C-alpha cells in the first residue's frame, strides 16, 4: 500500500476534515497542484476552485473552496479555507440566491475597495455555479 499523507481542512467555523489520504489536489493561485506523501515543503495561496481528495476513509471527495492558504510538508497538508463546501452538499437554489445577493452587493458598493471585494465574491460564486 502506498504511503498516506495527513490532510487537515479548516474553515473559519470549524475543522472540516482531518484524515490520512492518498493524494490531495489543490487550486493554487498559480495553478492546480497535487500533493502526495513526501512532497517538498511549500506554502501557497489558493484561488477559488475544487479540492479533490483521493483515498480517504470515506472514499474520494470533492470540495469547492473560495480561497485560502495551503501549507505542505512531507507528512501533512493543511488547508485554511475561506469557505469550503462539499459538492454533495450543494443546494443549487441556495447558490443561485447567493449569486443574486452578491450582484446586489456589487451594485450597492460605494468604494473601490467594496466593489473589488464584492466583485471577487461574485466571481467565485459564478465559478462554482459553472461546475454544475
Protein backbone atom coordinates (compact mmCIF):
# COMPACT_ATOMS: atom_id res chain seq x y z
CA UNK A 1 0.00 0.00 0.00
CA UNK A 2 1.28 3.48 -0.87
CA UNK A 3 2.21 5.95 1.82
CA UNK A 4 -0.54 8.27 3.02
CA UNK A 5 -0.33 11.97 3.75
CA UNK A 6 -2.32 13.59 6.56
CA UNK A 7 -4.82 16.19 5.32
CA UNK A 8 -6.40 18.85 7.52
CA UNK A 9 -9.06 21.13 6.04
CA UNK A 10 -10.02 24.04 8.26
CA UNK A 11 -12.63 26.74 7.66
CA UNK A 12 -13.21 29.79 9.87
CA UNK A 13 -16.06 27.93 11.57
CA UNK A 14 -14.54 24.52 12.23
CA UNK A 15 -12.26 21.64 11.29
CA UNK A 16 -13.93 20.10 8.22
CA UNK A 17 -11.67 17.13 7.60
CA UNK A 18 -8.69 15.51 9.29
CA UNK A 19 -7.57 12.16 7.92
CA UNK A 20 -4.86 10.24 6.15
CA UNK A 21 -5.35 10.17 2.37
CA UNK A 22 -3.54 9.01 -0.76
CA UNK A 23 -3.48 12.36 -2.58
CA UNK A 24 -4.89 15.89 -2.45
CA UNK A 25 -5.21 18.19 -5.47
CA UNK A 26 -5.41 21.88 -4.57
CA UNK A 27 -6.27 25.02 -6.61
CA UNK A 28 -3.12 27.08 -6.05
CA UNK A 29 -3.00 30.67 -7.21
CA UNK A 30 -0.60 29.69 -9.99
CA UNK A 31 -2.48 26.52 -10.91
CA UNK A 32 -3.62 23.21 -9.52
CA UNK A 33 -1.03 21.04 -7.78
CA UNK A 34 -1.12 17.53 -6.40
CA UNK A 35 0.24 16.54 -3.02
CA UNK A 36 1.43 13.03 -2.12
CA UNK A 37 3.34 11.76 0.91
CA UNK A 38 6.93 13.01 0.74
CA UNK A 39 6.05 16.26 -1.06
CA UNK A 40 8.56 19.10 -0.81
CA UNK A 41 7.61 21.82 1.69
CA UNK A 42 5.69 24.78 0.29
CA UNK A 43 3.14 27.43 1.15
CA UNK A 44 0.63 28.63 -1.44
CA UNK A 45 -2.34 30.92 -1.59
CA UNK A 46 -5.47 29.34 -3.05
CA UNK A 47 -7.85 30.61 -5.67
CA UNK A 48 -11.49 29.58 -5.94
CA UNK A 49 -11.72 26.02 -7.24
CA UNK A 50 -12.01 22.36 -6.36
CA UNK A 51 -10.03 20.37 -3.83
CA UNK A 52 -10.01 16.68 -4.76
CA UNK A 53 -9.20 14.15 -2.05
CA UNK A 54 -8.27 10.61 -3.13
CA UNK A 55 -8.20 7.55 -0.91
CA UNK A 56 -9.70 8.93 2.28
CA UNK A 57 -11.54 6.87 4.88
CA UNK A 58 -14.90 7.64 3.24
CA UNK A 59 -13.65 7.37 -0.33
CA UNK A 60 -12.90 10.15 -2.79
CA UNK A 61 -14.23 13.63 -2.05
CA UNK A 62 -14.55 16.92 -3.94
CA UNK A 63 -14.98 20.27 -2.20
CA UNK A 64 -15.28 23.80 -3.52
CA UNK A 65 -13.06 26.37 -1.80
CA UNK A 66 -13.40 30.11 -2.23
CA UNK A 67 -9.74 30.75 -1.45
CA UNK A 68 -7.31 30.49 1.42
CA UNK A 69 -3.86 29.05 2.07
CA UNK A 70 -2.19 25.66 1.85
CA UNK A 71 0.87 24.58 3.81
CA UNK A 72 2.58 21.38 2.70
CA UNK A 73 5.38 19.32 4.21
CA UNK A 74 6.39 15.69 3.53
CA UNK A 75 3.94 14.30 6.13
CA UNK A 76 0.99 16.71 6.03
CA UNK A 77 -1.06 19.23 4.07
CA UNK A 78 -3.07 21.86 5.91
CA UNK A 79 -5.61 23.95 4.02
CA UNK A 80 -7.03 27.04 5.69
CA UNK A 81 -10.04 27.83 3.52
CA UNK A 82 -12.13 30.99 3.44
CA UNK A 83 -15.07 28.73 2.71
CA UNK A 84 -15.22 25.03 1.83
CA UNK A 85 -18.33 23.20 0.69
CA UNK A 86 -18.53 19.51 -0.27
CA UNK A 87 -20.01 19.21 -3.77
CA UNK A 88 -22.50 16.63 -2.44
CA UNK A 89 -23.96 19.28 -0.07
CA UNK A 90 -24.87 21.81 -2.72
CA UNK A 91 -28.32 23.26 -2.97
CA UNK A 92 -28.45 24.96 -6.38
CA UNK A 93 -31.41 27.17 -5.45
CA UNK A 94 -29.48 28.49 -2.45
CA UNK A 95 -26.39 29.03 -4.62
CA UNK A 96 -28.44 30.97 -7.19
CA UNK A 97 -29.82 33.13 -4.37
CA UNK A 98 -26.27 33.79 -3.10
CA UNK A 99 -25.32 34.92 -6.62
CA UNK A 100 -28.27 37.33 -6.76
CA UNK A 101 -27.36 38.68 -3.31
CA UNK A 102 -23.74 39.16 -4.39
CA UNK A 103 -24.89 41.02 -7.52
CA UNK A 104 -26.92 43.36 -5.32
CA UNK A 105 -23.90 43.89 -3.03
CA UNK A 106 -21.78 44.81 -6.06
CA UNK A 107 -24.34 47.37 -7.24
CA UNK A 108 -24.62 48.83 -3.71
CA UNK A 109 -20.84 49.07 -3.16
CA UNK A 110 -19.77 52.67 -2.60
CA UNK A 111 -15.99 52.49 -2.58
CA UNK A 112 -13.44 50.87 -4.87
CA UNK A 113 -12.43 48.50 -2.07
CA UNK A 114 -16.05 47.43 -1.53
CA UNK A 115 -16.54 46.95 -5.30
CA UNK A 116 -13.36 44.87 -5.56
CA UNK A 117 -14.35 42.65 -2.64
CA UNK A 118 -17.93 42.22 -3.89
CA UNK A 119 -16.69 41.51 -7.43
CA UNK A 120 -14.28 38.81 -6.24
CA UNK A 121 -17.02 37.19 -4.17
CA UNK A 122 -19.43 37.24 -7.13
CA UNK A 123 -16.78 35.79 -9.45
CA UNK A 124 -16.11 32.89 -7.07
CA UNK A 125 -19.83 32.10 -6.80
CA UNK A 126 -20.23 32.20 -10.58
CA UNK A 127 -17.25 29.89 -10.99
CA UNK A 128 -18.83 27.47 -8.56
CA UNK A 129 -22.14 27.66 -10.45
CA UNK A 130 -20.34 26.82 -13.70
CA UNK A 131 -19.35 23.43 -12.23
CA UNK A 132 -22.99 22.36 -12.21
